[in-house]
């Protein structure tokens, strides 16, 4: 099997790691690597190569006709969007869900209490349509929450850093603060943080910054460390290898992209803040997040803050954008998800530790929110965890 990818791209590296996960459990596979930025622009001719299939980035030129050009099954990986001709023509692809990535970013910042959002992406040529799709989904979620949102996508992929830095700084200077900002990827997030430092803006107090790719080199070395969305690149690589394996066996598979949901958010310092202007609502939010799994009720929050329940609910909804009940449920479900995916804690104890009265109560709410039962969620998490060990 031939792998074509850009080793300078964090997403490509995670995909290749997923391919490696698959290969480790399928003896007999032999991999030929063609890597580097040039590899995804001008793929070589493979006549005479002993290859039975190809996995490559969707940026590879001619991928839409890969099967006819190379004479073997081809599976692409990367981003996909409905109005892209190359994606429409692609025979087989495993792709990140760009819409889900954008919505997840907005949701994360809304949960932090931000009532002003912003998105900074990439403009210019068609290679950055993935950025535009994330921006569209991000702004759509902001609109649904009735929260103002500013977007900025300079054509700065190849511009000199001083020029791009000036553009970013000028734009950041126009934003109201505090603002929750999603960058199209971790590299753009790092550039935003550097521009904030230049302007004397505090991260996350003035500008909370969220990236995409969860690249540990960028996210952990930046100050402050960057919260980032995991696009499930490793799962995409594994699924791409599984699909190619089926194609090489001659099994029929429908053409077109298979879309994979993002894996979640690695929360770090750059979004570690509760950005609520109403101090009482902020105190209530902090109390709910710290004690929701203990079974705290709305009346308990009101008593702790010495305010009437009706006044508390009104001020909380106005400041945070959702009800106290919704926030309690979100915290409990997130806790249950972590226990189910990261531990072997029995589901009865998961229900108790995440603030649900019974297993039946947990199951009913979990299915309503997540679309599957806690037991099924754990099974899928174990399968994914096992594939990357």
Protein backbone atom coordinates (compact mmCIF):
# COMPACT_ATOMS: atom_id res chain seq x y z
CA UNK A 1 0.00 0.00 0.00
CA UNK A 2 1.24 3.50 -0.85
CA UNK A 3 0.76 6.42 1.58
CA UNK A 4 0.93 9.97 0.23
CA UNK A 5 0.85 12.74 2.85
CA UNK A 6 2.41 15.99 3.99
CA UNK A 7 4.56 15.30 7.05
CA UNK A 8 4.48 19.01 7.95
CA UNK A 9 0.72 18.88 8.57
CA UNK A 10 -0.36 17.79 12.09
CA UNK A 11 -3.63 16.38 10.76
CA UNK A 12 -1.84 14.25 8.16
CA UNK A 13 0.47 12.85 10.84
CA UNK A 14 -2.47 11.78 13.01
CA UNK A 15 -4.12 10.12 10.02
CA UNK A 16 -0.97 8.16 9.27
CA UNK A 17 -0.81 7.11 12.93
CA UNK A 18 -4.33 5.74 12.51
CA UNK A 19 -3.23 3.81 9.43
CA UNK A 20 -0.38 2.40 11.51
CA UNK A 21 -2.86 1.32 14.20
CA UNK A 22 -4.72 -0.69 11.57
CA UNK A 23 -1.59 -2.20 10.06
CA UNK A 24 -0.35 -3.41 13.46
CA UNK A 25 -3.41 -5.64 13.73
CA UNK A 26 -3.27 -6.82 10.10
CA UNK A 27 0.03 -8.65 9.45
CA UNK A 28 1.16 -8.84 5.87
CA UNK A 29 0.62 -5.22 4.93
CA UNK A 30 3.66 -3.44 3.52
CA UNK A 31 3.72 0.35 3.31
CA UNK A 32 5.45 2.60 0.78
CA UNK A 33 5.73 6.23 1.93
CA UNK A 34 5.66 9.28 -0.31
CA UNK A 35 5.73 12.30 1.99
CA UNK A 36 6.35 16.02 2.05
CA UNK A 37 4.60 19.14 0.77
CA UNK A 38 5.55 18.39 -2.83
CA UNK A 39 4.06 14.90 -2.55
CA UNK A 40 0.54 16.25 -2.18
CA UNK A 41 0.92 18.69 -5.08
CA UNK A 42 2.53 16.46 -7.70
CA UNK A 43 2.09 12.80 -6.85
CA UNK A 44 4.44 10.51 -8.75
CA UNK A 45 3.55 7.91 -11.32
CA UNK A 46 3.35 4.48 -9.76
CA UNK A 47 3.80 2.29 -12.81
CA UNK A 48 5.85 -0.71 -11.79
CA UNK A 49 5.33 -0.19 -8.06
CA UNK A 50 4.13 -3.38 -6.28
CA UNK A 51 1.11 -1.61 -4.79
CA UNK A 52 -2.42 -2.91 -4.33
CA UNK A 53 -3.90 0.37 -3.08
CA UNK A 54 -3.29 4.02 -2.19
CA UNK A 55 -4.21 6.20 0.78
CA UNK A 56 -3.55 9.87 0.18
CA UNK A 57 -4.52 13.35 1.23
CA UNK A 58 -7.48 14.78 -0.69
CA UNK A 59 -5.14 17.60 -1.68
CA UNK A 60 -3.39 15.22 -4.05
CA UNK A 61 -3.85 16.41 -7.64
CA UNK A 62 -6.09 14.15 -9.69
CA UNK A 63 -7.59 12.27 -6.75
CA UNK A 64 -11.01 12.44 -8.38
CA UNK A 65 -9.76 10.01 -11.02
CA UNK A 66 -7.31 8.12 -8.85
CA UNK A 67 -8.65 4.67 -9.61
CA UNK A 68 -8.40 5.17 -13.36
CA UNK A 69 -4.98 6.85 -13.21
CA UNK A 70 -3.26 4.38 -10.89
CA UNK A 71 -5.14 1.20 -11.65
CA UNK A 72 -5.62 0.32 -7.97
CA UNK A 73 -8.19 1.32 -5.29
CA UNK A 74 -7.63 4.79 -3.84
CA UNK A 75 -8.97 6.19 -0.57
CA UNK A 76 -8.54 9.88 0.19
CA UNK A 77 -8.57 11.54 3.61
CA UNK A 78 -9.08 15.11 4.69
CA UNK A 79 -11.80 17.73 4.72
CA UNK A 80 -14.89 17.60 2.58
CA UNK A 81 -17.64 20.04 1.68
CA UNK A 82 -20.79 19.63 -0.37
CA UNK A 83 -20.09 22.28 -3.02
CA UNK A 84 -16.56 21.15 -3.88
CA UNK A 85 -16.37 19.54 -7.32
CA UNK A 86 -13.35 17.44 -6.40
CA UNK A 87 -15.18 15.98 -3.40
CA UNK A 88 -18.26 15.28 -5.49
CA UNK A 89 -16.15 13.37 -8.00
CA UNK A 90 -14.04 11.54 -5.40
CA UNK A 91 -14.66 7.80 -5.40
CA UNK A 92 -13.77 7.02 -1.78
CA UNK A 93 -12.94 9.40 1.05
CA UNK A 94 -12.90 9.44 4.84
CA UNK A 95 -13.23 13.02 6.00
CA UNK A 96 -13.50 15.27 9.03
CA UNK A 97 -16.91 16.86 9.60
CA UNK A 98 -16.11 20.55 9.10
CA UNK A 99 -19.60 21.65 10.13
CA UNK A 100 -19.37 19.71 13.40
CA UNK A 101 -15.92 21.19 14.07
CA UNK A 102 -17.23 24.75 13.71
CA UNK A 103 -20.29 24.13 15.85
CA UNK A 104 -18.25 22.41 18.55
CA UNK A 105 -15.93 25.41 18.72
CA UNK A 106 -18.82 27.84 19.16
CA UNK A 107 -20.47 25.61 21.74
CA UNK A 108 -17.28 25.41 23.80
CA UNK A 109 -16.95 29.20 23.96
CA UNK A 110 -20.66 29.69 24.64
CA UNK A 111 -20.36 27.25 27.54
CA UNK A 112 -17.61 29.46 28.92
CA UNK A 113 -20.17 32.26 29.09
CA UNK A 114 -18.96 34.42 26.21
CA UNK A 115 -21.59 36.76 24.77
CA UNK A 116 -19.28 37.96 22.00
CA UNK A 117 -17.66 35.50 19.60
CA UNK A 118 -15.16 35.77 16.75
CA UNK A 119 -13.64 33.44 14.16
CA UNK A 120 -10.29 33.88 12.44
CA UNK A 121 -9.54 31.68 9.45
CA UNK A 122 -7.84 31.67 6.08
CA UNK A 123 -8.85 33.42 2.88
CA UNK A 124 -7.46 33.27 -0.61
CA UNK A 125 -7.49 30.25 -2.88
CA UNK A 126 -9.78 27.23 -2.80
CA UNK A 127 -7.38 25.20 -0.67
CA UNK A 128 -8.87 26.89 2.37
CA UNK A 129 -12.55 26.14 1.80
CA UNK A 130 -12.40 23.96 4.93
CA UNK A 131 -11.74 27.15 6.92
CA UNK A 132 -14.78 28.83 5.41
CA UNK A 133 -17.00 25.87 6.29
CA UNK A 134 -15.87 25.94 9.88
CA UNK A 135 -16.52 29.69 9.99
CA UNK A 136 -20.03 29.26 8.56
CA UNK A 137 -20.95 26.63 11.14
CA UNK A 138 -19.40 28.70 13.94
CA UNK A 139 -21.33 31.84 13.04
CA UNK A 140 -24.55 29.87 12.53
CA UNK A 141 -24.31 28.51 16.07
CA UNK A 142 -23.62 32.02 17.38
CA UNK A 143 -26.72 33.28 15.58
CA UNK A 144 -28.80 30.50 17.12
CA UNK A 145 -27.59 31.62 20.55
CA UNK A 146 -28.30 35.30 19.68
CA UNK A 147 -24.64 36.16 20.25
CA UNK A 148 -22.79 38.68 18.01
CA UNK A 149 -19.97 37.17 15.97
CA UNK A 150 -17.15 38.73 13.95
CA UNK A 151 -15.17 36.84 11.30
CA UNK A 152 -11.84 37.60 9.67
CA UNK A 153 -10.04 35.44 7.12
CA UNK A 154 -6.92 37.15 5.76
CA UNK A 155 -5.07 35.64 2.85
CA UNK A 156 -2.03 35.12 4.99
CA UNK A 157 -0.90 31.58 4.31
CA UNK A 158 2.10 32.80 2.34
CA UNK A 159 2.28 36.46 3.43
CA UNK A 160 5.33 37.65 5.39
CA UNK A 161 4.75 37.34 9.13
CA UNK A 162 5.06 41.12 9.83
CA UNK A 163 2.30 41.81 7.27
CA UNK A 164 -0.01 39.13 8.67
CA UNK A 165 0.80 40.15 12.25
CA UNK A 166 -0.26 43.70 11.52
CA UNK A 167 -3.53 42.56 9.93
CA UNK A 168 -4.37 40.34 12.88
CA UNK A 169 -3.49 43.02 15.42
CA UNK A 170 -5.62 45.63 13.65
CA UNK A 171 -8.60 43.29 13.60
CA UNK A 172 -8.19 42.19 17.21
CA UNK A 173 -8.10 45.84 18.24
CA UNK A 174 -11.62 46.33 16.85
CA UNK A 175 -13.22 43.47 18.79
CA UNK A 176 -15.27 44.10 21.93
CA UNK A 177 -13.91 42.36 25.00
CA UNK A 178 -14.07 39.84 26.49
CA UNK A 179 -14.41 37.73 23.34
CA UNK A 180 -14.30 34.01 22.69
CA UNK A 181 -12.32 33.42 19.50
CA UNK A 182 -12.01 30.26 17.43
CA UNK A 183 -9.07 30.00 15.04
CA UNK A 184 -9.31 27.77 11.99
CA UNK A 185 -6.35 25.71 13.21
CA UNK A 186 -3.67 25.69 15.90
CA UNK A 187 -1.19 27.66 13.78
CA UNK A 188 -3.66 30.49 13.38
CA UNK A 189 -4.44 30.28 17.12
CA UNK A 190 -0.74 30.71 17.92
CA UNK A 191 -0.56 33.74 15.62
CA UNK A 192 -3.62 35.25 17.32
CA UNK A 193 -2.04 34.80 20.75
CA UNK A 194 1.20 36.42 19.58
CA UNK A 195 -0.78 39.39 18.26
CA UNK A 196 -2.63 39.61 21.60
CA UNK A 197 0.69 39.77 23.44
CA UNK A 198 1.80 42.60 21.14
CA UNK A 199 -1.40 44.54 21.90
CA UNK A 200 -1.18 43.93 25.63
CA UNK A 201 -4.35 41.81 25.63
CA UNK A 202 -4.60 39.01 28.17
CA UNK A 203 -5.42 35.45 27.09
CA UNK A 204 -7.93 34.17 28.11
CA UNK A 205 -9.18 37.14 30.17
CA UNK A 206 -9.59 39.54 27.22
CA UNK A 207 -9.48 37.05 24.35
CA UNK A 208 -10.06 33.32 24.87
CA UNK A 209 -8.52 31.38 21.98
CA UNK A 210 -9.51 27.95 20.67
CA UNK A 211 -7.64 26.11 17.90
CA UNK A 212 -8.16 22.99 15.78
CA UNK A 213 -5.88 19.95 15.25
CA UNK A 214 -4.73 19.45 18.86
CA UNK A 215 -1.10 19.57 17.77
CA UNK A 216 0.88 19.06 21.00
CA UNK A 217 3.95 20.84 19.64
CA UNK A 218 2.05 24.07 19.05
CA UNK A 219 -0.52 23.80 21.84
CA UNK A 220 1.85 22.90 24.66
CA UNK A 221 4.71 25.23 23.75
CA UNK A 222 2.55 28.33 23.33
CA UNK A 223 2.01 30.62 26.35
CA UNK A 224 -0.68 30.24 27.44
CA UNK A 225 -1.21 26.68 26.27
CA UNK A 226 -3.90 26.39 23.59
CA UNK A 227 -7.22 24.60 23.90
CA UNK A 228 -7.88 22.72 20.68
CA UNK A 229 -10.42 20.54 18.85
CA UNK A 230 -9.37 17.01 17.97
CA UNK A 231 -10.61 16.23 14.43
CA UNK A 232 -10.37 12.47 15.05
CA UNK A 233 -7.49 12.24 12.57
CA UNK A 234 -6.34 8.94 14.02
CA UNK A 235 -9.78 7.42 13.62
CA UNK A 236 -9.97 8.76 10.07
CA UNK A 237 -6.69 7.01 9.27
CA UNK A 238 -7.91 3.74 10.72
CA UNK A 239 -11.22 3.96 8.88
CA UNK A 240 -9.43 4.82 5.63
CA UNK A 241 -7.23 1.73 5.97
CA UNK A 242 -10.25 -0.44 6.73
CA UNK A 243 -12.04 0.91 3.67
CA UNK A 244 -9.03 0.36 1.44
CA UNK A 245 -8.67 -3.17 2.78
CA UNK A 246 -12.28 -3.89 1.81
CA UNK A 247 -11.78 -2.37 -1.65
CA UNK A 248 -8.64 -4.43 -2.25
CA UNK A 249 -10.65 -7.55 -1.36
CA UNK A 250 -13.14 -6.58 -4.04
CA UNK A 251 -15.98 -5.81 -1.64
CA UNK A 252 -18.53 -3.31 -3.00
CA UNK A 253 -18.57 0.10 -1.29
CA UNK A 254 -20.60 3.15 -2.15
CA UNK A 255 -18.66 6.10 -3.55
CA UNK A 256 -18.36 9.43 -1.82
CA UNK A 257 -17.10 10.66 1.54
CA UNK A 258 -17.53 8.99 4.91
CA UNK A 259 -17.68 11.75 7.51
CA UNK A 260 -16.16 11.33 10.98
CA UNK A 261 -17.21 13.47 13.95
CA UNK A 262 -14.60 15.45 15.91
CA UNK A 263 -13.22 13.62 18.94
CA UNK A 264 -13.73 16.47 21.42
CA UNK A 265 -11.72 19.33 22.87
CA UNK A 266 -8.43 19.22 24.76
CA UNK A 267 -8.98 22.04 27.23
CA UNK A 268 -5.93 24.09 28.16
CA UNK A 269 -5.23 27.52 29.58
CA UNK A 270 -6.28 29.63 26.57
CA UNK A 271 -10.01 29.09 27.27
CA UNK A 272 -9.82 28.39 31.00
CA UNK A 273 -12.18 31.15 32.14
CA UNK A 274 -15.80 31.92 32.95
CA UNK A 275 -16.56 35.05 30.95
CA UNK A 276 -19.78 36.32 32.50
CA UNK A 277 -20.13 40.03 33.23
CA UNK A 278 -22.91 39.55 35.80
CA UNK A 279 -20.91 38.62 38.90
CA UNK A 280 -23.84 36.86 40.52
CA UNK A 281 -24.46 34.78 37.41
CA UNK A 282 -20.74 33.99 37.21
CA UNK A 283 -20.78 32.81 40.82
CA UNK A 284 -23.82 30.66 40.09
CA UNK A 285 -22.11 29.17 37.02
CA UNK A 286 -19.00 28.32 39.03
CA UNK A 287 -21.13 26.75 41.76
CA UNK A 288 -23.10 24.66 39.27
CA UNK A 289 -19.94 23.40 37.57
CA UNK A 290 -18.30 22.43 40.85
CA UNK A 291 -21.34 20.77 42.47
CA UNK A 292 -23.74 19.66 39.73
CA UNK A 293 -22.65 16.03 40.14
CA UNK A 294 -23.36 16.20 43.87
CA UNK A 295 -27.05 16.57 43.11
CA UNK A 296 -27.26 20.29 43.83
CA UNK A 297 -30.63 21.84 42.94
CA UNK A 298 -31.54 25.29 41.67
CA UNK A 299 -32.96 26.17 45.10
CA UNK A 300 -29.60 25.28 46.69
CA UNK A 301 -27.80 27.66 44.33
CA UNK A 302 -30.28 30.44 45.12
CA UNK A 303 -29.87 29.87 48.88
CA UNK A 304 -26.07 29.87 48.62
CA UNK A 305 -26.15 33.23 46.83
CA UNK A 306 -28.94 34.69 49.00
CA UNK A 307 -31.18 35.52 46.06
CA UNK A 308 -34.64 34.45 45.01
CA UNK A 309 -34.90 31.50 42.66
CA UNK A 310 -36.82 33.47 40.02
CA UNK A 311 -34.33 36.33 40.01
CA UNK A 312 -31.42 33.90 39.81
CA UNK A 313 -32.92 32.03 36.87
CA UNK A 314 -33.66 35.24 34.99
CA UNK A 315 -30.19 36.72 35.50
CA UNK A 316 -28.46 33.42 34.74
CA UNK A 317 -30.34 32.90 31.48
CA UNK A 318 -29.67 36.48 30.38
CA UNK A 319 -25.94 36.35 31.23
CA UNK A 320 -25.06 32.80 30.20
CA UNK A 321 -27.55 32.18 27.39
CA UNK A 322 -29.03 28.96 28.81
CA UNK A 323 -30.93 27.87 31.89
CA UNK A 324 -29.39 26.60 35.12
CA UNK A 325 -31.10 23.27 34.49
CA UNK A 326 -29.46 23.02 31.04
CA UNK A 327 -26.03 23.77 32.53
CA UNK A 328 -26.48 21.17 35.27
CA UNK A 329 -27.44 18.56 32.70
CA UNK A 330 -24.46 19.46 30.49
CA UNK A 331 -21.98 19.11 33.38
CA UNK A 332 -23.48 15.78 34.44
CA UNK A 333 -23.47 14.36 30.92
CA UNK A 334 -19.86 15.49 30.34
CA UNK A 335 -18.84 13.82 33.60
CA UNK A 336 -20.64 10.62 32.64
CA UNK A 337 -18.96 10.64 29.22
CA UNK A 338 -15.48 10.93 30.76
CA UNK A 339 -16.17 8.12 33.24
CA UNK A 340 -17.57 5.88 30.52
CA UNK A 341 -14.75 6.46 28.04
CA UNK A 342 -11.73 6.74 30.36
CA UNK A 343 -12.52 4.32 33.21
CA UNK A 344 -14.01 0.90 33.89
CA UNK A 345 -16.30 2.28 36.60
CA UNK A 346 -19.57 0.26 36.65
CA UNK A 347 -22.46 2.15 35.06
CA UNK A 348 -24.35 2.20 38.37
CA UNK A 349 -21.45 4.08 39.92
CA UNK A 350 -21.15 6.30 36.83
CA UNK A 351 -24.76 7.35 37.37
CA UNK A 352 -24.09 8.10 41.04
CA UNK A 353 -20.81 9.96 40.46
CA UNK A 354 -22.28 12.11 37.66
CA UNK A 355 -25.34 13.19 39.65
CA UNK A 356 -28.09 10.96 38.28
CA UNK A 357 -30.56 9.30 40.64
CA UNK A 358 -30.53 5.90 38.96
CA UNK A 359 -29.06 4.03 36.01
CA UNK A 360 -32.44 4.39 34.31
CA UNK A 361 -32.33 8.16 34.77
CA UNK A 362 -28.78 8.31 33.37
CA UNK A 363 -29.76 6.13 30.41
CA UNK A 364 -32.82 8.21 29.55
CA UNK A 365 -31.00 11.57 29.68
CA UNK A 366 -27.83 10.24 28.03
CA UNK A 367 -29.81 8.78 25.13
CA UNK A 368 -31.73 12.04 24.74
CA UNK A 369 -28.55 14.11 24.58
CA UNK A 370 -26.06 11.74 22.91
CA UNK A 371 -28.38 9.59 20.81
CA UNK A 372 -27.06 6.29 22.25
CA UNK A 373 -27.11 4.48 25.57
CA UNK A 374 -24.26 4.76 28.10
CA UNK A 375 -23.39 1.10 27.54
CA UNK A 376 -23.11 1.57 23.79
CA UNK A 377 -21.08 4.76 24.25
CA UNK A 378 -18.62 2.83 26.42
CA UNK A 379 -18.36 0.03 23.85
CA UNK A 380 -17.51 2.49 21.07
CA UNK A 381 -15.00 4.30 23.29
CA UNK A 382 -13.27 1.00 24.11
CA UNK A 383 -13.08 0.06 20.45
CA UNK A 384 -11.48 3.39 19.61
CA UNK A 385 -9.12 3.23 22.57
CA UNK A 386 -8.07 -0.30 21.68
CA UNK A 387 -7.26 0.73 18.11
CA UNK A 388 -4.73 3.34 19.22
CA UNK A 389 -2.86 1.36 21.86
